[in-house]
Amino acid sequence: MSEDTFPTDEEIYKAFERYNFGLDKPEIVPFLKDGLLKTACGYWNGHSLSTILIKLNLIKSELDEEGETYYTLTSRGTFCCYEWFKRR
């Protein structure tokens, strides 16, 4: 997994193989985009989506001073976020 590439279809489908959100394959990438944007804005995703984003190396889990978990974007997540949501 390179830091400046999008997740491949194979990586995405492998990360989703144990989860069933009732999504068809074309609907998976927009679902990932929404989760990544929510994380970038400081909002919380559900556990399953957060786990998938971690498997794809788009976000990482960290602990704050009180021991609470929060999520931040990785370099790959930052690249994908900028590319997916850039102004056109």
PDB file of N, CA and C in Angstrom:
ATOM      1  N   MET A   1       0.832  -1.188   0.000  1.00  0.00           N
ATOM      2  CA  MET A   1       0.000   0.000   0.000  1.00  0.00           C
ATOM      3  C   MET A   1       0.868   1.239   0.000  1.00  0.00           C
ATOM      4  N   SER A   2       0.840   1.960  -1.071  1.00  0.00           N
ATOM      5  CA  SER A   2       1.596   3.194  -1.160  1.00  0.00           C
ATOM      6  C   SER A   2       0.818   4.319  -0.488  1.00  0.00           C
ATOM      7  N   GLU A   3       1.544   5.299   0.016  1.00  0.00           N
ATOM      8  CA  GLU A   3       0.912   6.405   0.725  1.00  0.00           C
ATOM      9  C   GLU A   3       0.196   7.383  -0.208  1.00  0.00           C
ATOM     10  N   ASP A   4       0.532   7.363  -1.478  1.00  0.00           N
ATOM     11  CA  ASP A   4      -0.079   8.327  -2.396  1.00  0.00           C
ATOM     12  C   ASP A   4      -0.889   7.640  -3.491  1.00  0.00           C
ATOM     13  N   THR A   5      -1.602   6.598  -3.112  1.00  0.00           N
ATOM     14  CA  THR A   5      -2.474   5.906  -4.051  1.00  0.00           C
ATOM     15  C   THR A   5      -3.830   5.663  -3.412  1.00  0.00           C
ATOM     16  N   PHE A   6      -4.814   5.511  -4.271  1.00  0.00           N
ATOM     17  CA  PHE A   6      -6.138   5.137  -3.797  1.00  0.00           C
ATOM     18  C   PHE A   6      -6.144   3.646  -3.482  1.00  0.00           C
ATOM     19  N   PRO A   7      -7.024   3.200  -2.591  1.00  0.00           N
ATOM     20  CA  PRO A   7      -7.154   1.762  -2.380  1.00  0.00           C
ATOM     21  C   PRO A   7      -7.637   1.097  -3.669  1.00  0.00           C
ATOM     22  N   THR A   8      -7.078  -0.040  -3.986  1.00  0.00           N
ATOM     23  CA  THR A   8      -7.513  -0.762  -5.186  1.00  0.00           C
ATOM     24  C   THR A   8      -8.860  -1.424  -4.906  1.00  0.00           C
ATOM     25  N   ASP A   9      -9.543  -1.811  -5.975  1.00  0.00           N
ATOM     26  CA  ASP A   9     -10.814  -2.519  -5.815  1.00  0.00           C
ATOM     27  C   ASP A   9     -10.615  -3.796  -5.008  1.00  0.00           C
ATOM     28  N   GLU A  10      -9.505  -4.481  -5.260  1.00  0.00           N
ATOM     29  CA  GLU A  10      -9.223  -5.723  -4.539  1.00  0.00           C
ATOM     30  C   GLU A  10      -9.074  -5.462  -3.045  1.00  0.00           C
ATOM     31  N   GLU A  11      -8.357  -4.404  -2.671  1.00  0.00           N
ATOM     32  CA  GLU A  11      -8.192  -4.060  -1.256  1.00  0.00           C
ATOM     33  C   GLU A  11      -9.536  -3.717  -0.624  1.00  0.00           C
ATOM     34  N   ILE A  12     -10.330  -2.963  -1.348  1.00  0.00           N
ATOM     35  CA  ILE A  12     -11.640  -2.537  -0.825  1.00  0.00           C
ATOM     36  C   ILE A  12     -12.548  -3.737  -0.601  1.00  0.00           C
ATOM     37  N   TYR A  13     -12.663  -4.612  -1.592  1.00  0.00           N
ATOM     38  CA  TYR A  13     -13.552  -5.760  -1.467  1.00  0.00           C
ATOM     39  C   TYR A  13     -13.069  -6.726  -0.392  1.00  0.00           C
ATOM     40  N   LYS A  14     -11.753  -6.845  -0.239  1.00  0.00           N
ATOM     41  CA  LYS A  14     -11.213  -7.700   0.819  1.00  0.00           C
ATOM     42  C   LYS A  14     -11.544  -7.118   2.194  1.00  0.00           C
ATOM     43  N   ALA A  15     -11.440  -5.799   2.342  1.00  0.00           N
ATOM     44  CA  ALA A  15     -11.754  -5.153   3.623  1.00  0.00           C
ATOM     45  C   ALA A  15     -13.243  -5.288   3.966  1.00  0.00           C
ATOM     46  N   PHE A  16     -14.107  -5.326   2.949  1.00  0.00           N
ATOM     47  CA  PHE A  16     -15.551  -5.407   3.154  1.00  0.00           C
ATOM     48  C   PHE A  16     -16.066  -6.840   3.236  1.00  0.00           C
ATOM     49  N   GLU A  17     -15.211  -7.851   3.049  1.00  0.00           N
ATOM     50  CA  GLU A  17     -15.715  -9.204   2.886  1.00  0.00           C
ATOM     51  C   GLU A  17     -16.481  -9.747   4.090  1.00  0.00           C
ATOM     52  N   ARG A  18     -16.223  -9.287   5.273  1.00  0.00           N
ATOM     53  CA  ARG A  18     -16.945  -9.791   6.457  1.00  0.00           C
ATOM     54  C   ARG A  18     -18.071  -8.872   6.921  1.00  0.00           C
ATOM     55  N   TYR A  19     -18.306  -7.814   6.194  1.00  0.00           N
ATOM     56  CA  TYR A  19     -19.317  -6.847   6.594  1.00  0.00           C
ATOM     57  C   TYR A  19     -20.394  -6.776   5.526  1.00  0.00           C
ATOM     58  N   ASN A  20     -21.635  -6.629   5.964  1.00  0.00           N
ATOM     59  CA  ASN A  20     -22.738  -6.525   5.024  1.00  0.00           C
ATOM     60  C   ASN A  20     -23.539  -5.285   5.386  1.00  0.00           C
ATOM     61  N   PHE A  21     -23.343  -4.247   4.627  1.00  0.00           N
ATOM     62  CA  PHE A  21     -24.100  -3.017   4.820  1.00  0.00           C
ATOM     63  C   PHE A  21     -25.277  -2.947   3.856  1.00  0.00           C
ATOM     64  N   GLY A  22     -25.492  -4.017   3.093  1.00  0.00           N
ATOM     65  CA  GLY A  22     -26.546  -4.018   2.089  1.00  0.00           C
ATOM     66  C   GLY A  22     -26.178  -3.185   0.883  1.00  0.00           C
ATOM     67  N   LEU A  23     -24.888  -3.034   0.617  1.00  0.00           N
ATOM     68  CA  LEU A  23     -24.420  -2.206  -0.483  1.00  0.00           C
ATOM     69  C   LEU A  23     -24.017  -3.068  -1.671  1.00  0.00           C
ATOM     70  N   ASP A  24     -24.324  -2.572  -2.857  1.00  0.00           N
ATOM     71  CA  ASP A  24     -23.783  -3.184  -4.060  1.00  0.00           C
ATOM     72  C   ASP A  24     -22.373  -2.645  -4.260  1.00  0.00           C
ATOM     73  N   LYS A  25     -21.584  -3.313  -5.079  1.00  0.00           N
ATOM     74  CA  LYS A  25     -20.190  -2.894  -5.282  1.00  0.00           C
ATOM     75  C   LYS A  25     -20.045  -1.442  -5.715  1.00  0.00           C
ATOM     76  N   PRO A  26     -20.895  -0.902  -6.621  1.00  0.00           N
ATOM     77  CA  PRO A  26     -20.718   0.506  -6.999  1.00  0.00           C
ATOM     78  C   PRO A  26     -20.974   1.493  -5.861  1.00  0.00           C
ATOM     79  N   GLU A  27     -21.672   1.056  -4.810  1.00  0.00           N
ATOM     80  CA  GLU A  27     -22.006   1.955  -3.706  1.00  0.00           C
ATOM     81  C   GLU A  27     -20.946   1.982  -2.607  1.00  0.00           C
ATOM     82  N   ILE A  28     -19.939   1.119  -2.691  1.00  0.00           N
ATOM     83  CA  ILE A  28     -18.962   1.000  -1.609  1.00  0.00           C
ATOM     84  C   ILE A  28     -18.030   2.210  -1.539  1.00  0.00           C
ATOM     85  N   VAL A  29     -17.520   2.669  -2.670  1.00  0.00           N
ATOM     86  CA  VAL A  29     -16.564   3.789  -2.649  1.00  0.00           C
ATOM     87  C   VAL A  29     -17.216   5.075  -2.114  1.00  0.00           C
ATOM     88  N   PRO A  30     -18.428   5.446  -2.543  1.00  0.00           N
ATOM     89  CA  PRO A  30     -19.046   6.625  -1.918  1.00  0.00           C
ATOM     90  C   PRO A  30     -19.244   6.468  -0.408  1.00  0.00           C
ATOM     91  N   PHE A  31     -19.506   5.256   0.039  1.00  0.00           N
ATOM     92  CA  PHE A  31     -19.645   4.972   1.461  1.00  0.00           C
ATOM     93  C   PHE A  31     -18.315   5.216   2.184  1.00  0.00           C
ATOM     94  N   LEU A  32     -17.206   4.762   1.578  1.00  0.00           N
ATOM     95  CA  LEU A  32     -15.881   5.015   2.145  1.00  0.00           C
ATOM     96  C   LEU A  32     -15.566   6.505   2.172  1.00  0.00           C
ATOM     97  N   LYS A  33     -15.910   7.198   1.095  1.00  0.00           N
ATOM     98  CA  LYS A  33     -15.660   8.640   1.026  1.00  0.00           C
ATOM     99  C   LYS A  33     -16.372   9.364   2.157  1.00  0.00           C
ATOM    100  N   ASP A  34     -17.632   9.009   2.395  1.00  0.00           N
ATOM    101  CA  ASP A  34     -18.390   9.648   3.472  1.00  0.00           C
ATOM    102  C   ASP A  34     -17.738   9.400   4.832  1.00  0.00           C
ATOM    103  N   GLY A  35     -17.310   8.162   5.076  1.00  0.00           N
ATOM    104  CA  GLY A  35     -16.658   7.834   6.341  1.00  0.00           C
ATOM    105  C   GLY A  35     -15.341   8.561   6.515  1.00  0.00           C
ATOM    106  N   LEU A  36     -14.586   8.674   5.443  1.00  0.00           N
ATOM    107  CA  LEU A  36     -13.304   9.372   5.506  1.00  0.00           C
ATOM    108  C   LEU A  36     -13.510  10.865   5.776  1.00  0.00           C
ATOM    109  N   LEU A  37     -14.485  11.457   5.121  1.00  0.00           N
ATOM    110  CA  LEU A  37     -14.776  12.877   5.340  1.00  0.00           C
ATOM    111  C   LEU A  37     -15.261  13.127   6.773  1.00  0.00           C
ATOM    112  N   LYS A  38     -16.107  12.236   7.285  1.00  0.00           N
ATOM    113  CA  LYS A  38     -16.560  12.380   8.673  1.00  0.00           C
ATOM    114  C   LYS A  38     -15.383  12.324   9.643  1.00  0.00           C
ATOM    115  N   THR A  39     -14.454  11.413   9.405  1.00  0.00           N
ATOM    116  CA  THR A  39     -13.275  11.306  10.272  1.00  0.00           C
ATOM    117  C   THR A  39     -12.431  12.575  10.176  1.00  0.00           C
ATOM    118  N   ALA A  40     -12.237  13.078   8.965  1.00  0.00           N
ATOM    119  CA  ALA A  40     -11.438  14.295   8.774  1.00  0.00           C
ATOM    120  C   ALA A  40     -12.061  15.490   9.496  1.00  0.00           C
ATOM    121  N   CYS A  41     -13.384  15.493   9.608  1.00  0.00           N
ATOM    122  CA  CYS A  41     -14.089  16.599  10.273  1.00  0.00           C
ATOM    123  C   CYS A  41     -14.231  16.387  11.780  1.00  0.00           C
ATOM    124  N   GLY A  42     -13.749  15.254  12.274  1.00  0.00           N
ATOM    125  CA  GLY A  42     -13.805  14.999  13.709  1.00  0.00           C
ATOM    126  C   GLY A  42     -15.059  14.294  14.172  1.00  0.00           C
ATOM    127  N   TYR A  43     -15.879  13.814  13.256  1.00  0.00           N
ATOM    128  CA  TYR A  43     -17.085  13.089  13.633  1.00  0.00           C
ATOM    129  C   TYR A  43     -16.794  11.613  13.784  1.00  0.00           C
ATOM    130  N   TRP A  44     -17.699  10.900  14.437  1.00  0.00           N
ATOM    131  CA  TRP A  44     -17.528   9.489  14.733  1.00  0.00           C
ATOM    132  C   TRP A  44     -18.245   8.638  13.692  1.00  0.00           C
ATOM    133  N   ASN A  45     -17.572   7.599  13.192  1.00  0.00           N
ATOM    134  CA  ASN A  45     -18.200   6.578  12.359  1.00  0.00           C
ATOM    135  C   ASN A  45     -18.549   5.404  13.254  1.00  0.00           C
ATOM    136  N   GLY A  46     -19.348   4.500  12.754  1.00  0.00           N
ATOM    137  CA  GLY A  46     -19.604   3.271  13.487  1.00  0.00           C
ATOM    138  C   GLY A  46     -18.347   2.417  13.553  1.00  0.00           C
ATOM    139  N   HIS A  47     -18.362   1.436  14.432  1.00  0.00           N
ATOM    140  CA  HIS A  47     -17.191   0.583  14.634  1.00  0.00           C
ATOM    141  C   HIS A  47     -16.805  -0.167  13.364  1.00  0.00           C
ATOM    142  N   SER A  48     -17.790  -0.707  12.656  1.00  0.00           N
ATOM    143  CA  SER A  48     -17.479  -1.495  11.451  1.00  0.00           C
ATOM    144  C   SER A  48     -16.805  -0.649  10.382  1.00  0.00           C
ATOM    145  N   LEU A  49     -17.360   0.517  10.101  1.00  0.00           N
ATOM    146  CA  LEU A  49     -16.759   1.374   9.083  1.00  0.00           C
ATOM    147  C   LEU A  49     -15.376   1.856   9.520  1.00  0.00           C
ATOM    148  N   SER A  50     -15.223   2.189  10.787  1.00  0.00           N
ATOM    149  CA  SER A  50     -13.902   2.600  11.278  1.00  0.00           C
ATOM    150  C   SER A  50     -12.887   1.473  11.109  1.00  0.00           C
ATOM    151  N   THR A  51     -13.297   0.244  11.388  1.00  0.00           N
ATOM    152  CA  THR A  51     -12.404  -0.910  11.224  1.00  0.00           C
ATOM    153  C   THR A  51     -11.998  -1.078   9.766  1.00  0.00           C
ATOM    154  N   ILE A  52     -12.940  -0.907   8.855  1.00  0.00           N
ATOM    155  CA  ILE A  52     -12.643  -1.015   7.421  1.00  0.00           C
ATOM    156  C   ILE A  52     -11.661   0.072   7.001  1.00  0.00           C
ATOM    157  N   LEU A  53     -11.878   1.305   7.451  1.00  0.00           N
ATOM    158  CA  LEU A  53     -10.976   2.401   7.102  1.00  0.00           C
ATOM    159  C   LEU A  53      -9.574   2.169   7.664  1.00  0.00           C
ATOM    160  N   ILE A  54      -9.481   1.546   8.830  1.00  0.00           N
ATOM    161  CA  ILE A  54      -8.170   1.210   9.399  1.00  0.00           C
ATOM    162  C   ILE A  54      -7.507   0.128   8.562  1.00  0.00           C
ATOM    163  N   LYS A  55      -8.265  -0.901   8.159  1.00  0.00           N
ATOM    164  CA  LYS A  55      -7.708  -1.976   7.322  1.00  0.00           C
ATOM    165  C   LYS A  55      -7.162  -1.430   6.006  1.00  0.00           C
ATOM    166  N   LEU A  56      -7.799  -0.403   5.474  1.00  0.00           N
ATOM    167  CA  LEU A  56      -7.358   0.204   4.216  1.00  0.00           C
ATOM    168  C   LEU A  56      -6.262   1.241   4.428  1.00  0.00           C
ATOM    169  N   ASN A  57      -5.819   1.401   5.674  1.00  0.00           N
ATOM    170  CA  ASN A  57      -4.776   2.361   6.032  1.00  0.00           C
ATOM    171  C   ASN A  57      -5.178   3.793   5.662  1.00  0.00           C
ATOM    172  N   LEU A  58      -6.452   4.125   5.871  1.00  0.00           N
ATOM    173  CA  LEU A  58      -6.932   5.479   5.619  1.00  0.00           C
ATOM    174  C   LEU A  58      -7.033   6.291   6.905  1.00  0.00           C
ATOM    175  N   ILE A  59      -7.277   5.617   8.024  1.00  0.00           N
ATOM    176  CA  ILE A  59      -7.317   6.285   9.326  1.00  0.00           C
ATOM    177  C   ILE A  59      -6.518   5.443  10.319  1.00  0.00           C
ATOM    178  N   LYS A  60      -6.215   6.057  11.465  1.00  0.00           N
ATOM    179  CA  LYS A  60      -5.563   5.318  12.552  1.00  0.00           C
ATOM    180  C   LYS A  60      -6.227   5.703  13.869  1.00  0.00           C
ATOM    181  N   SER A  61      -6.167   4.788  14.803  1.00  0.00           N
ATOM    182  CA  SER A  61      -6.763   4.965  16.116  1.00  0.00           C
ATOM    183  C   SER A  61      -5.691   5.476  17.073  1.00  0.00           C
ATOM    184  N   GLU A  62      -6.047   6.469  17.872  1.00  0.00           N
ATOM    185  CA  GLU A  62      -5.126   7.018  18.871  1.00  0.00           C
ATOM    186  C   GLU A  62      -5.878   7.236  20.176  1.00  0.00           C
ATOM    187  N   LEU A  63      -5.133   7.397  21.257  1.00  0.00           N
ATOM    188  CA  LEU A  63      -5.722   7.673  22.567  1.00  0.00           C
ATOM    189  C   LEU A  63      -5.349   9.082  23.012  1.00  0.00           C
ATOM    190  N   ASP A  64      -6.324   9.778  23.612  1.00  0.00           N
ATOM    191  CA  ASP A  64      -6.013  11.098  24.151  1.00  0.00           C
ATOM    192  C   ASP A  64      -5.551  10.961  25.603  1.00  0.00           C
ATOM    193  N   GLU A  65      -5.367  12.083  26.290  1.00  0.00           N
ATOM    194  CA  GLU A  65      -4.848  12.072  27.651  1.00  0.00           C
ATOM    195  C   GLU A  65      -5.755  11.338  28.631  1.00  0.00           C
ATOM    196  N   GLU A  66      -7.063  11.356  28.376  1.00  0.00           N
ATOM    197  CA  GLU A  66      -8.014  10.685  29.273  1.00  0.00           C
ATOM    198  C   GLU A  66      -8.210   9.216  28.920  1.00  0.00           C
ATOM    199  N   GLY A  67      -7.525   8.740  27.890  1.00  0.00           N
ATOM    200  CA  GLY A  67      -7.667   7.351  27.478  1.00  0.00           C
ATOM    201  C   GLY A  67      -8.810   7.103  26.509  1.00  0.00           C
ATOM    202  N   GLU A  68      -9.394   8.173  25.982  1.00  0.00           N
ATOM    203  CA  GLU A  68     -10.487   8.053  25.012  1.00  0.00           C
ATOM    204  C   GLU A  68      -9.909   7.838  23.613  1.00  0.00           C
ATOM    205  N   THR A  69     -10.561   6.981  22.843  1.00  0.00           N
ATOM    206  CA  THR A  69     -10.119   6.701  21.482  1.00  0.00           C
ATOM    207  C   THR A  69     -10.627   7.769  20.529  1.00  0.00           C
ATOM    208  N   TYR A  70      -9.767   8.197  19.629  1.00  0.00           N
ATOM    209  CA  TYR A  70     -10.183   9.067  18.539  1.00  0.00           C
ATOM    210  C   TYR A  70      -9.435   8.640  17.285  1.00  0.00           C
ATOM    211  N   TYR A  71      -9.916   9.080  16.144  1.00  0.00           N
ATOM    212  CA  TYR A  71      -9.354   8.658  14.865  1.00  0.00           C
ATOM    213  C   TYR A  71      -8.801   9.848  14.098  1.00  0.00           C
ATOM    214  N   THR A  72      -7.674   9.629  13.446  1.00  0.00           N
ATOM    215  CA  THR A  72      -7.072  10.648  12.594  1.00  0.00           C
ATOM    216  C   THR A  72      -6.747  10.032  11.238  1.00  0.00           C
ATOM    217  N   LEU A  73      -6.577  10.886  10.247  1.00  0.00           N
ATOM    218  CA  LEU A  73      -6.232  10.408   8.919  1.00  0.00           C
ATOM    219  C   LEU A  73      -4.758  10.026   8.852  1.00  0.00           C
ATOM    220  N   THR A  74      -4.457   8.988   8.104  1.00  0.00           N
ATOM    221  CA  THR A  74      -3.071   8.628   7.806  1.00  0.00           C
ATOM    222  C   THR A  74      -2.640   9.445   6.587  1.00  0.00           C
ATOM    223  N   SER A  75      -1.408   9.296   6.168  1.00  0.00           N
ATOM    224  CA  SER A  75      -0.944   9.982   4.954  1.00  0.00           C
ATOM    225  C   SER A  75      -1.773   9.554   3.748  1.00  0.00           C
ATOM    226  N   ARG A  76      -2.048   8.267   3.669  1.00  0.00           N
ATOM    227  CA  ARG A  76      -2.870   7.758   2.557  1.00  0.00           C
ATOM    228  C   ARG A  76      -4.287   8.317   2.646  1.00  0.00           C
ATOM    229  N   GLY A  77      -4.841   8.377   3.853  1.00  0.00           N
ATOM    230  CA  GLY A  77      -6.176   8.938   4.045  1.00  0.00           C
ATOM    231  C   GLY A  77      -6.238  10.406   3.667  1.00  0.00           C
ATOM    232  N   THR A  78      -5.193  11.146   4.012  1.00  0.00           N
ATOM    233  CA  THR A  78      -5.129  12.566   3.655  1.00  0.00           C
ATOM    234  C   THR A  78      -5.078  12.731   2.140  1.00  0.00           C
ATOM    235  N   PHE A  79      -4.248  11.928   1.472  1.00  0.00           N
ATOM    236  CA  PHE A  79      -4.157  11.974   0.015  1.00  0.00           C
ATOM    237  C   PHE A  79      -5.520  11.688  -0.614  1.00  0.00           C
ATOM    238  N   CYS A  80      -6.170  10.615  -0.161  1.00  0.00           N
ATOM    239  CA  CYS A  80      -7.476  10.246  -0.732  1.00  0.00           C
ATOM    240  C   CYS A  80      -8.525  11.323  -0.472  1.00  0.00           C
ATOM    241  N   CYS A  81      -8.506  11.878   0.709  1.00  0.00           N
ATOM    242  CA  CYS A  81      -9.474  12.924   1.056  1.00  0.00           C
ATOM    243  C   CYS A  81      -9.298  14.144   0.155  1.00  0.00           C
ATOM    244  N   TYR A  82      -8.060  14.582  -0.025  1.00  0.00           N
ATOM    245  CA  TYR A  82      -7.808  15.728  -0.899  1.00  0.00           C
ATOM    246  C   TYR A  82      -8.215  15.438  -2.342  1.00  0.00           C
ATOM    247  N   GLU A  83      -7.903  14.254  -2.831  1.00  0.00           N
ATOM    248  CA  GLU A  83      -8.207  13.925  -4.219  1.00  0.00           C
ATOM    249  C   GLU A  83      -9.698  13.704  -4.444  1.00  0.00           C
ATOM    250  N   TRP A  84     -10.368  13.045  -3.513  1.00  0.00           N
ATOM    251  CA  TRP A  84     -11.787  12.771  -3.680  1.00  0.00           C
ATOM    252  C   TRP A  84     -12.647  14.023  -3.524  1.00  0.00           C
ATOM    253  N   PHE A  85     -12.220  14.967  -2.695  1.00  0.00           N
ATOM    254  CA  PHE A  85     -13.068  16.113  -2.394  1.00  0.00           C
ATOM    255  C   PHE A  85     -12.494  17.448  -2.855  1.00  0.00           C
ATOM    256  N   LYS A  86     -11.534  17.410  -3.760  1.00  0.00           N
ATOM    257  CA  LYS A  86     -10.964  18.672  -4.233  1.00  0.00           C
ATOM    258  C   LYS A  86     -11.993  19.455  -5.045  1.00  0.00           C
ATOM    259  N   ARG A  87     -11.798  20.740  -5.087  1.00  0.00           N
ATOM    260  CA  ARG A  87     -12.713  21.589  -5.852  1.00  0.00           C
ATOM    261  C   ARG A  87     -12.488  21.359  -7.332  1.00  0.00           C
ATOM    262  N   ARG A  88     -13.547  21.362  -8.053  1.00  0.00           N
ATOM    263  CA  ARG A  88     -13.461  21.169  -9.502  1.00  0.00           C
ATOM    264  C   ARG A  88     -13.934  22.385 -10.224  1.00  0.00           C
TER     265      ARG A  88
END
